[in-house]
PDB file of N, CA and C in Angstrom:
ATOM      1  N   UNK A   1    -106.991  80.712  88.999  1.00  0.00           N
ATOM      2  CA  UNK A   1    -107.125  79.528  89.064  1.00  0.00           C
ATOM      3  C   UNK A   1    -107.716  79.235  90.884  1.00  0.00           C
ATOM      4  N   UNK A   2    -108.060  77.766  90.911  1.00  0.00           N
ATOM      5  CA  UNK A   2    -108.642  77.687  91.953  1.00  0.00           C
ATOM      6  C   UNK A   2    -107.569  76.903  92.490  1.00  0.00           C
ATOM      7  N   UNK A   3    -107.825  77.081  93.830  1.00  0.00           N
ATOM      8  CA  UNK A   3    -107.054  76.780  95.298  1.00  0.00           C
ATOM      9  C   UNK A   3    -108.133  76.109  96.282  1.00  0.00           C
ATOM     10  N   UNK A   4    -107.444  74.807  96.981  1.00  0.00           N
ATOM     11  CA  UNK A   4    -107.982  74.489  97.810  1.00  0.00           C
ATOM     12  C   UNK A   4    -107.194  74.719  99.125  1.00  0.00           C
ATOM     13  N   UNK A   5    -107.946  75.445 100.106  1.00  0.00           N
ATOM     14  CA  UNK A   5    -107.311  76.349 101.116  1.00  0.00           C
ATOM     15  C   UNK A   5    -107.531  75.632 102.439  1.00  0.00           C
ATOM     16  N   UNK A   6    -107.125  75.191 103.010  1.00  0.00           N
ATOM     17  CA  UNK A   6    -107.100  74.703 104.472  1.00  0.00           C
ATOM     18  C   UNK A   6    -106.300  75.042 105.706  1.00  0.00           C
ATOM     19  N   UNK A   7    -107.308  75.901 106.297  1.00  0.00           N
ATOM     20  CA  UNK A   7    -107.119  76.420 107.380  1.00  0.00           C
ATOM     21  C   UNK A   7    -107.267  75.612 109.055  1.00  0.00           C
ATOM     22  N   UNK A   8    -106.250  75.229 109.486  1.00  0.00           N
ATOM     23  CA  UNK A   8    -106.082  74.025 110.470  1.00  0.00           C
ATOM     24  C   UNK A   8    -105.982  75.456 111.931  1.00  0.00           C
ATOM     25  N   UNK A   9    -106.636  75.705 112.647  1.00  0.00           N
ATOM     26  CA  UNK A   9    -106.923  76.419 113.666  1.00  0.00           C
ATOM     27  C   UNK A   9    -106.333  75.948 115.114  1.00  0.00           C
ATOM     28  N   UNK A  10    -105.366  76.960 115.239  1.00  0.00           N
ATOM     29  CA  UNK A  10    -104.568  76.636 116.569  1.00  0.00           C
ATOM     30  C   UNK A  10    -105.774  76.177 118.008  1.00  0.00           C
ATOM     31  N   UNK A  11    -105.491  75.325 118.873  1.00  0.00           N
ATOM     32  CA  UNK A  11    -106.597  75.260 119.422  1.00  0.00           C
ATOM     33  C   UNK A  11    -106.776  76.287 120.355  1.00  0.00           C
ATOM     34  N   UNK A  12    -105.610  76.508 121.059  1.00  0.00           N
ATOM     35  CA  UNK A  12    -105.933  77.456 122.249  1.00  0.00           C
ATOM     36  C   UNK A  12    -106.538  78.855 121.751  1.00  0.00           C
ATOM     37  N   UNK A  13    -105.907  79.311 120.642  1.00  0.00           N
ATOM     38  CA  UNK A  13    -106.252  80.532 119.986  1.00  0.00           C
ATOM     39  C   UNK A  13    -107.659  80.434 119.463  1.00  0.00           C
ATOM     40  N   UNK A  14    -108.580  79.306 119.082  1.00  0.00           N
ATOM     41  CA  UNK A  14    -109.801  79.512 118.575  1.00  0.00           C
ATOM     42  C   UNK A  14    -110.490  79.290 120.059  1.00  0.00           C
ATOM     43  N   UNK A  15    -110.200  78.507 121.143  1.00  0.00           N
ATOM     44  CA  UNK A  15    -110.859  78.664 122.240  1.00  0.00           C
ATOM     45  C   UNK A  15    -110.827  79.822 122.854  1.00  0.00           C
ATOM     46  N   UNK A  16    -110.100  80.722 122.843  1.00  0.00           N
ATOM     47  CA  UNK A  16    -109.717  81.964 123.368  1.00  0.00           C
ATOM     48  C   UNK A  16    -110.793  82.711 122.676  1.00  0.00           C
ATOM     49  N   UNK A  17    -110.955  82.494 121.556  1.00  0.00           N
ATOM     50  CA  UNK A  17    -112.299  83.285 120.691  1.00  0.00           C
ATOM     51  C   UNK A  17    -113.737  82.996 120.870  1.00  0.00           C
ATOM     52  N   UNK A  18    -113.697  81.323 121.263  1.00  0.00           N
ATOM     53  CA  UNK A  18    -115.028  80.962 121.445  1.00  0.00           C
ATOM     54  C   UNK A  18    -115.517  81.450 122.773  1.00  0.00           C
ATOM     55  N   UNK A  19    -114.423  81.359 123.773  1.00  0.00           N
ATOM     56  CA  UNK A  19    -115.062  81.609 125.265  1.00  0.00           C
ATOM     57  C   UNK A  19    -115.329  83.469 125.082  1.00  0.00           C
ATOM     58  N   UNK A  20    -114.412  83.932 124.337  1.00  0.00           N
ATOM     59  CA  UNK A  20    -115.186  85.537 123.819  1.00  0.00           C
ATOM     60  C   UNK A  20    -116.330  85.877 123.473  1.00  0.00           C
ATOM     61  N   UNK A  21    -116.617  84.644 122.586  1.00  0.00           N
ATOM     62  CA  UNK A  21    -117.787  84.913 122.043  1.00  0.00           C
ATOM     63  C   UNK A  21    -117.778  85.646 120.678  1.00  0.00           C
ATOM     64  N   UNK A  22    -116.595  85.256 120.264  1.00  0.00           N
ATOM     65  CA  UNK A  22    -116.031  85.731 119.008  1.00  0.00           C
ATOM     66  C   UNK A  22    -115.450  84.679 117.877  1.00  0.00           C
ATOM     67  N   UNK A  23    -115.749  83.632 118.113  1.00  0.00           N
ATOM     68  CA  UNK A  23    -115.276  82.560 117.071  1.00  0.00           C
ATOM     69  C   UNK A  23    -115.972  82.653 115.646  1.00  0.00           C
ATOM     70  N   UNK A  24    -117.588  82.472 115.812  1.00  0.00           N
ATOM     71  CA  UNK A  24    -118.203  82.391 114.914  1.00  0.00           C
ATOM     72  C   UNK A  24    -118.433  83.882 113.968  1.00  0.00           C
ATOM     73  N   UNK A  25    -118.149  84.982 114.606  1.00  0.00           N
ATOM     74  CA  UNK A  25    -117.955  86.132 114.222  1.00  0.00           C
ATOM     75  C   UNK A  25    -116.708  86.518 113.395  1.00  0.00           C
ATOM     76  N   UNK A  26    -115.575  86.258 113.950  1.00  0.00           N
ATOM     77  CA  UNK A  26    -114.430  86.085 113.312  1.00  0.00           C
ATOM     78  C   UNK A  26    -114.313  85.119 111.840  1.00  0.00           C
ATOM     79  N   UNK A  27    -114.629  84.111 111.959  1.00  0.00           N
ATOM     80  CA  UNK A  27    -114.488  83.283 110.989  1.00  0.00           C
ATOM     81  C   UNK A  27    -115.850  83.822 109.882  1.00  0.00           C
ATOM     82  N   UNK A  28    -116.974  84.590 110.164  1.00  0.00           N
ATOM     83  CA  UNK A  28    -117.359  84.924 109.091  1.00  0.00           C
ATOM     84  C   UNK A  28    -117.175  86.208 108.439  1.00  0.00           C
ATOM     85  N   UNK A  29    -116.196  87.041 109.247  1.00  0.00           N
ATOM     86  CA  UNK A  29    -115.818  88.503 108.903  1.00  0.00           C
ATOM     87  C   UNK A  29    -114.569  87.924 107.402  1.00  0.00           C
ATOM     88  N   UNK A  30    -114.027  86.960 108.202  1.00  0.00           N
ATOM     89  CA  UNK A  30    -112.767  86.367 107.066  1.00  0.00           C
ATOM     90  C   UNK A  30    -113.165  86.199 105.930  1.00  0.00           C
ATOM     91  N   UNK A  31    -114.713  85.261 105.818  1.00  0.00           N
ATOM     92  CA  UNK A  31    -115.027  84.456 104.759  1.00  0.00           C
ATOM     93  C   UNK A  31    -116.111  85.683 104.009  1.00  0.00           C
ATOM     94  N   UNK A  32    -116.455  86.589 104.282  1.00  0.00           N
ATOM     95  CA  UNK A  32    -116.822  87.768 103.625  1.00  0.00           C
ATOM     96  C   UNK A  32    -115.688  88.675 102.707  1.00  0.00           C
ATOM     97  N   UNK A  33    -114.747  88.930 103.759  1.00  0.00           N
ATOM     98  CA  UNK A  33    -113.516  89.228 102.537  1.00  0.00           C
ATOM     99  C   UNK A  33    -112.924  88.157 101.711  1.00  0.00           C
ATOM    100  N   UNK A  34    -112.509  87.028 101.806  1.00  0.00           N
ATOM    101  CA  UNK A  34    -112.208  86.158 101.076  1.00  0.00           C
ATOM    102  C   UNK A  34    -113.383  85.719  99.854  1.00  0.00           C
ATOM    103  N   UNK A  35    -114.579  85.538 100.128  1.00  0.00           N
ATOM    104  CA  UNK A  35    -115.775  85.309  99.202  1.00  0.00           C
ATOM    105  C   UNK A  35    -115.236  83.585  98.358  1.00  0.00           C
ATOM    106  N   UNK A  36    -115.155  82.881  99.202  1.00  0.00           N
ATOM    107  CA  UNK A  36    -114.891  81.554  98.603  1.00  0.00           C
ATOM    108  C   UNK A  36    -116.087  80.542  98.263  1.00  0.00           C
ATOM    109  N   UNK A  37    -115.666  80.132  97.032  1.00  0.00           N
ATOM    110  CA  UNK A  37    -116.713  79.176  96.297  1.00  0.00           C
ATOM    111  C   UNK A  37    -117.293  78.541  96.968  1.00  0.00           C
ATOM    112  N   UNK A  38    -116.761  78.086  98.192  1.00  0.00           N
ATOM    113  CA  UNK A  38    -117.312  77.126  99.194  1.00  0.00           C
ATOM    114  C   UNK A  38    -116.385  76.830 100.463  1.00  0.00           C
ATOM    115  N   UNK A  39    -117.211  76.759 101.398  1.00  0.00           N
ATOM    116  CA  UNK A  39    -116.551  76.755 102.767  1.00  0.00           C
ATOM    117  C   UNK A  39    -117.238  75.404 103.440  1.00  0.00           C
ATOM    118  N   UNK A  40    -116.285  75.041 104.095  1.00  0.00           N
ATOM    119  CA  UNK A  40    -116.602  73.689 105.056  1.00  0.00           C
ATOM    120  C   UNK A  40    -115.455  73.482 105.950  1.00  0.00           C
ATOM    121  N   UNK A  41    -116.228  73.135 107.351  1.00  0.00           N
ATOM    122  CA  UNK A  41    -115.635  72.976 108.642  1.00  0.00           C
ATOM    123  C   UNK A  41    -115.845  71.688 109.152  1.00  0.00           C
ATOM    124  N   UNK A  42    -114.467  71.170 109.399  1.00  0.00           N
ATOM    125  CA  UNK A  42    -114.410  69.650 110.229  1.00  0.00           C
ATOM    126  C   UNK A  42    -113.263  69.979 111.138  1.00  0.00           C
ATOM    127  N   UNK A  43    -113.218  68.680 111.896  1.00  0.00           N
ATOM    128  CA  UNK A  43    -112.133  68.656 112.795  1.00  0.00           C
ATOM    129  C   UNK A  43    -111.350  67.760 111.873  1.00  0.00           C
ATOM    130  N   UNK A  44    -110.225  68.121 112.379  1.00  0.00           N
ATOM    131  CA  UNK A  44    -108.917  67.817 111.172  1.00  0.00           C
ATOM    132  C   UNK A  44    -107.673  67.638 112.169  1.00  0.00           C
ATOM    133  N   UNK A  45    -107.227  66.542 112.346  1.00  0.00           N
ATOM    134  CA  UNK A  45    -106.056  66.114 113.592  1.00  0.00           C
ATOM    135  C   UNK A  45    -106.524  66.645 114.656  1.00  0.00           C
ATOM    136  N   UNK A  46    -107.407  67.055 115.292  1.00  0.00           N
ATOM    137  CA  UNK A  46    -107.751  67.527 116.371  1.00  0.00           C
ATOM    138  C   UNK A  46    -108.436  68.662 116.621  1.00  0.00           C
ATOM    139  N   UNK A  47    -108.178  69.196 115.662  1.00  0.00           N
ATOM    140  CA  UNK A  47    -108.361  70.842 115.363  1.00  0.00           C
ATOM    141  C   UNK A  47    -109.359  71.393 114.438  1.00  0.00           C
ATOM    142  N   UNK A  48    -109.980  72.433 114.833  1.00  0.00           N
ATOM    143  CA  UNK A  48    -110.766  73.149 114.117  1.00  0.00           C
ATOM    144  C   UNK A  48    -110.470  73.414 112.868  1.00  0.00           C
ATOM    145  N   UNK A  49    -110.750  73.177 111.720  1.00  0.00           N
ATOM    146  CA  UNK A  49    -110.453  73.548 110.482  1.00  0.00           C
ATOM    147  C   UNK A  49    -111.215  74.106 109.202  1.00  0.00           C
ATOM    148  N   UNK A  50    -110.796  74.991 108.564  1.00  0.00           N
ATOM    149  CA  UNK A  50    -111.874  75.525 107.371  1.00  0.00           C
ATOM    150  C   UNK A  50    -111.139  74.833 106.151  1.00  0.00           C
ATOM    151  N   UNK A  51    -111.936  74.620 105.574  1.00  0.00           N
ATOM    152  CA  UNK A  51    -111.816  74.005 104.154  1.00  0.00           C
ATOM    153  C   UNK A  51    -112.822  74.968 103.144  1.00  0.00           C
ATOM    154  N   UNK A  52    -111.507  75.710 102.133  1.00  0.00           N
ATOM    155  CA  UNK A  52    -112.531  76.780 101.446  1.00  0.00           C
ATOM    156  C   UNK A  52    -112.006  76.265 100.124  1.00  0.00           C
ATOM    157  N   UNK A  53    -112.766  76.701  99.119  1.00  0.00           N
ATOM    158  CA  UNK A  53    -112.371  76.842  97.512  1.00  0.00           C
ATOM    159  C   UNK A  53    -112.337  77.792  97.031  1.00  0.00           C
ATOM    160  N   UNK A  54    -111.175  78.544  96.891  1.00  0.00           N
ATOM    161  CA  UNK A  54    -110.846  79.799  96.921  1.00  0.00           C
ATOM    162  C   UNK A  54    -110.265  80.102  95.085  1.00  0.00           C
ATOM    163  N   UNK A  55    -111.127  81.020  94.288  1.00  0.00           N
ATOM    164  CA  UNK A  55    -110.414  81.312  92.923  1.00  0.00           C
ATOM    165  C   UNK A  55    -109.643  82.652  93.231  1.00  0.00           C
ATOM    166  N   UNK A  56    -108.186  82.427  92.886  1.00  0.00           N
ATOM    167  CA  UNK A  56    -107.339  83.362  92.791  1.00  0.00           C
ATOM    168  C   UNK A  56    -106.890  84.029  91.429  1.00  0.00           C
ATOM    169  N   UNK A  57    -106.835  85.240  91.206  1.00  0.00           N
ATOM    170  CA  UNK A  57    -106.401  85.707  89.715  1.00  0.00           C
ATOM    171  C   UNK A  57    -104.555  85.556  89.867  1.00  0.00           C
ATOM    172  N   UNK A  58    -104.176  85.772  90.865  1.00  0.00           N
ATOM    173  CA  UNK A  58    -102.712  86.107  91.025  1.00  0.00           C
ATOM    174  C   UNK A  58    -102.253  84.947  92.214  1.00  0.00           C
ATOM    175  N   UNK A  59    -100.888  84.509  92.557  1.00  0.00           N
ATOM    176  CA  UNK A  59    -100.566  84.324  93.597  1.00  0.00           C
ATOM    177  C   UNK A  59    -100.190  85.017  94.726  1.00  0.00           C
ATOM    178  N   UNK A  60    -100.437  86.231  93.953  1.00  0.00           N
ATOM    179  CA  UNK A  60     -99.828  87.451  95.076  1.00  0.00           C
ATOM    180  C   UNK A  60    -101.078  87.633  96.014  1.00  0.00           C
ATOM    181  N   UNK A  61    -102.127  87.123  95.658  1.00  0.00           N
ATOM    182  CA  UNK A  61    -102.976  86.993  96.455  1.00  0.00           C
ATOM    183  C   UNK A  61    -103.242  86.079  97.783  1.00  0.00           C
ATOM    184  N   UNK A  62    -102.268  85.117  97.987  1.00  0.00           N
ATOM    185  CA  UNK A  62    -101.775  84.137  99.021  1.00  0.00           C
ATOM    186  C   UNK A  62    -101.989  84.802 100.515  1.00  0.00           C
ATOM    187  N   UNK A  63    -101.217  86.020 100.803  1.00  0.00           N
ATOM    188  CA  UNK A  63    -100.916  86.422 101.994  1.00  0.00           C
ATOM    189  C   UNK A  63    -102.453  87.081 102.420  1.00  0.00           C
ATOM    190  N   UNK A  64    -103.012  87.304 101.193  1.00  0.00           N
ATOM    191  CA  UNK A  64    -104.720  88.246 101.566  1.00  0.00           C
ATOM    192  C   UNK A  64    -105.364  87.326 102.194  1.00  0.00           C
ATOM    193  N   UNK A  65    -105.156  85.927 101.800  1.00  0.00           N
ATOM    194  CA  UNK A  65    -106.162  84.541 101.819  1.00  0.00           C
ATOM    195  C   UNK A  65    -105.260  84.127 103.558  1.00  0.00           C
ATOM    196  N   UNK A  66    -104.308  83.982 103.247  1.00  0.00           N
ATOM    197  CA  UNK A  66    -103.422  83.261 104.458  1.00  0.00           C
ATOM    198  C   UNK A  66    -103.311  84.185 106.162  1.00  0.00           C
ATOM    199  N   UNK A  67    -103.142  85.221 105.879  1.00  0.00           N
ATOM    200  CA  UNK A  67    -103.039  86.337 107.065  1.00  0.00           C
ATOM    201  C   UNK A  67    -103.906  86.272 108.126  1.00  0.00           C
ATOM    202  N   UNK A  68    -105.042  86.763 107.467  1.00  0.00           N
ATOM    203  CA  UNK A  68    -106.368  86.430 108.601  1.00  0.00           C
ATOM    204  C   UNK A  68    -106.691  85.372 109.285  1.00  0.00           C
ATOM    205  N   UNK A  69    -106.161  84.250 108.700  1.00  0.00           N
ATOM    206  CA  UNK A  69    -106.295  82.902 109.746  1.00  0.00           C
ATOM    207  C   UNK A  69    -105.110  82.574 110.723  1.00  0.00           C
ATOM    208  N   UNK A  70    -103.843  83.317 110.032  1.00  0.00           N
ATOM    209  CA  UNK A  70    -102.342  83.482 110.858  1.00  0.00           C
ATOM    210  C   UNK A  70    -102.798  84.132 112.057  1.00  0.00           C
ATOM    211  N   UNK A  71    -103.324  85.208 111.883  1.00  0.00           N
ATOM    212  CA  UNK A  71    -103.424  86.437 112.738  1.00  0.00           C
ATOM    213  C   UNK A  71    -104.313  86.044 114.020  1.00  0.00           C
ATOM    214  N   UNK A  72    -105.721  85.611 113.260  1.00  0.00           N
ATOM    215  CA  UNK A  72    -106.797  85.320 114.177  1.00  0.00           C
ATOM    216  C   UNK A  72    -106.690  84.053 115.099  1.00  0.00           C
ATOM    217  N   UNK A  73    -106.042  82.871 114.340  1.00  0.00           N
ATOM    218  CA  UNK A  73    -106.320  81.787 114.867  1.00  0.00           C
ATOM    219  C   UNK A  73    -105.009  81.100 114.816  1.00  0.00           C
ATOM    220  N   UNK A  74    -103.491  81.707 114.780  1.00  0.00           N
ATOM    221  CA  UNK A  74    -102.379  81.209 114.737  1.00  0.00           C
ATOM    222  C   UNK A  74    -102.615  80.042 114.010  1.00  0.00           C
ATOM    223  N   UNK A  75    -103.233  79.872 112.680  1.00  0.00           N
ATOM    224  CA  UNK A  75    -103.604  78.674 112.230  1.00  0.00           C
ATOM    225  C   UNK A  75    -102.005  78.051 111.078  1.00  0.00           C
ATOM    226  N   UNK A  76    -102.354  77.100 111.054  1.00  0.00           N
ATOM    227  CA  UNK A  76    -101.549  76.570 109.660  1.00  0.00           C
ATOM    228  C   UNK A  76    -102.453  76.322 108.666  1.00  0.00           C
ATOM    229  N   UNK A  77    -101.901  76.877 107.804  1.00  0.00           N
ATOM    230  CA  UNK A  77    -102.295  76.959 106.157  1.00  0.00           C
ATOM    231  C   UNK A  77    -101.300  76.336 105.295  1.00  0.00           C
ATOM    232  N   UNK A  78    -102.448  75.471 103.923  1.00  0.00           N
ATOM    233  CA  UNK A  78    -102.307  74.704 103.057  1.00  0.00           C
ATOM    234  C   UNK A  78    -102.850  75.139 101.995  1.00  0.00           C
ATOM    235  N   UNK A  79    -102.112  75.596 100.803  1.00  0.00           N
ATOM    236  CA  UNK A  79    -102.919  76.192  99.622  1.00  0.00           C
ATOM    237  C   UNK A  79    -102.541  75.009  98.623  1.00  0.00           C
ATOM    238  N   UNK A  80    -103.468  74.458  97.995  1.00  0.00           N
ATOM    239  CA  UNK A  80    -103.199  73.723  96.869  1.00  0.00           C
ATOM    240  C   UNK A  80    -104.151  73.487  95.533  1.00  0.00           C
ATOM    241  N   UNK A  81    -103.520  73.842  94.548  1.00  0.00           N
ATOM    242  CA  UNK A  81    -104.023  73.985  93.372  1.00  0.00           C
ATOM    243  C   UNK A  81    -105.169  73.030  93.152  1.00  0.00           C
ATOM    244  N   UNK A  82    -106.689  73.371  92.315  1.00  0.00           N
ATOM    245  CA  UNK A  82    -107.505  72.851  92.493  1.00  0.00           C
ATOM    246  C   UNK A  82    -108.032  72.634  90.934  1.00  0.00           C
ATOM    247  N   UNK A  83    -108.588  71.718  90.163  1.00  0.00           N
ATOM    248  CA  UNK A  83    -109.206  71.872  89.218  1.00  0.00           C
ATOM    249  C   UNK A  83    -110.906  71.052  89.396  1.00  0.00           C
ATOM    250  N   UNK A  84    -111.216  71.784  88.330  1.00  0.00           N
ATOM    251  CA  UNK A  84    -112.921  71.618  88.387  1.00  0.00           C
ATOM    252  C   UNK A  84    -112.981  70.376  87.115  1.00  0.00           C
ATOM    253  N   UNK A  85    -113.951  69.838  86.498  1.00  0.00           N
ATOM    254  CA  UNK A  85    -113.956  68.981  85.192  1.00  0.00           C
ATOM    255  C   UNK A  85    -113.563  69.518  84.311  1.00  0.00           C
ATOM    256  N   UNK A  86    -114.203  70.614  84.150  1.00  0.00           N
ATOM    257  CA  UNK A  86    -114.005  71.573  82.811  1.00  0.00           C
ATOM    258  C   UNK A  86    -112.294  71.804  82.875  1.00  0.00           C
ATOM    259  N   UNK A  87    -111.575  72.165  83.882  1.00  0.00           N
ATOM    260  CA  UNK A  87    -110.429  72.478  83.739  1.00  0.00           C
ATOM    261  C   UNK A  87    -109.286  70.938  83.302  1.00  0.00           C
ATOM    262  N   UNK A  88    -109.750  70.070  84.064  1.00  0.00           N
ATOM    263  CA  UNK A  88    -109.049  68.807  83.482  1.00  0.00           C
ATOM    264  C   UNK A  88    -109.376  68.410  82.060  1.00  0.00           C
ATOM    265  N   UNK A  89    -110.412  68.624  81.749  1.00  0.00           N
ATOM    266  CA  UNK A  89    -110.932  68.204  79.830  1.00  0.00           C
ATOM    267  C   UNK A  89    -110.026  69.564  79.121  1.00  0.00           C
ATOM    268  N   UNK A  90    -109.715  70.619  79.547  1.00  0.00           N
ATOM    269  CA  UNK A  90    -108.421  71.764  78.824  1.00  0.00           C
ATOM    270  C   UNK A  90    -107.199  71.124  79.000  1.00  0.00           C
ATOM    271  N   UNK A  91    -107.039  69.989  80.163  1.00  0.00           N
ATOM    272  CA  UNK A  91    -105.594  69.477  80.125  1.00  0.00           C
ATOM    273  C   UNK A  91    -105.578  68.538  79.377  1.00  0.00           C
ATOM    274  N   UNK A  92    -106.777  67.939  79.010  1.00  0.00           N
ATOM    275  CA  UNK A  92    -106.480  66.799  78.050  1.00  0.00           C
ATOM    276  C   UNK A  92    -105.159  66.639  76.900  1.00  0.00           C
ATOM    277  N   UNK A  93    -105.030  67.459  76.153  1.00  0.00           N
ATOM    278  CA  UNK A  93    -103.978  67.342  75.299  1.00  0.00           C
ATOM    279  C   UNK A  93    -102.744  67.344  75.981  1.00  0.00           C
ATOM    280  N   UNK A  94    -102.452  68.344  77.177  1.00  0.00           N
ATOM    281  CA  UNK A  94    -101.003  68.126  77.795  1.00  0.00           C
ATOM    282  C   UNK A  94    -100.817  66.575  78.183  1.00  0.00           C
ATOM    283  N   UNK A  95    -102.091  66.068  79.002  1.00  0.00           N
ATOM    284  CA  UNK A  95    -101.901  64.801  79.684  1.00  0.00           C
ATOM    285  C   UNK A  95    -101.486  63.292  78.179  1.00  0.00           C
ATOM    286  N   UNK A  96    -102.056  63.864  77.017  1.00  0.00           N
ATOM    287  CA  UNK A  96    -101.873  63.048  76.001  1.00  0.00           C
ATOM    288  C   UNK A  96    -100.438  63.032  75.659  1.00  0.00           C
ATOM    289  N   UNK A  97     -99.789  64.450  75.747  1.00  0.00           N
ATOM    290  CA  UNK A  97     -98.789  64.724  75.256  1.00  0.00           C
ATOM    291  C   UNK A  97     -97.541  63.799  75.983  1.00  0.00           C
ATOM    292  N   UNK A  98     -97.896  64.025  77.441  1.00  0.00           N
ATOM    293  CA  UNK A  98     -96.983  63.290  78.398  1.00  0.00           C
ATOM    294  C   UNK A  98     -97.287  61.853  78.228  1.00  0.00           C
ATOM    295  N   UNK A  99     -98.381  61.372  77.973  1.00  0.00           N
ATOM    296  CA  UNK A  99     -98.347  59.557  77.567  1.00  0.00           C
ATOM    297  C   UNK A  99     -97.682  59.530  76.596  1.00  0.00           C
ATOM    298  N   UNK A 100     -97.420  59.990  75.473  1.00  0.00           N
ATOM    299  CA  UNK A 100     -96.655  59.634  74.459  1.00  0.00           C
ATOM    300  C   UNK A 100     -95.320  59.912  74.428  1.00  0.00           C
ATOM    301  N   UNK A 101     -94.813  60.819  75.328  1.00  0.00           N
ATOM    302  CA  UNK A 101     -93.310  61.011  75.550  1.00  0.00           C
ATOM    303  C   UNK A 101     -93.092  59.928  76.678  1.00  0.00           C
ATOM    304  N   UNK A 102     -93.700  59.725  77.623  1.00  0.00           N
ATOM    305  CA  UNK A 102     -93.194  59.241  79.027  1.00  0.00           C
ATOM    306  C   UNK A 102     -93.930  57.959  79.173  1.00  0.00           C
ATOM    307  N   UNK A 103     -94.980  57.668  78.974  1.00  0.00           N
ATOM    308  CA  UNK A 103     -96.082  56.645  78.923  1.00  0.00           C
ATOM    309  C   UNK A 103     -95.608  55.093  78.422  1.00  0.00           C
TER     310      UNK A 103
END
């Protein structure tokens, strides 16, 4: 199952790594372990933020995804299930059933 993972990094923790010259290498190390389908970096609410698309086989993988960001950056993490168009197409019958029953 795909998840959109947002890791909002604590400013002071990220600044400390930046000052030590380790910000980029720390992020790169995490990404090498997680192997996201996509990774984007933005400023969100004034904080450095990684937005990742990660495919998980099981929710027991959440700690392996979140802990590196927690430990390295004191980050706030959000993990939201996400679909691609193919997934939405597969969901069509369930949507139609809900429309019949509740629509």
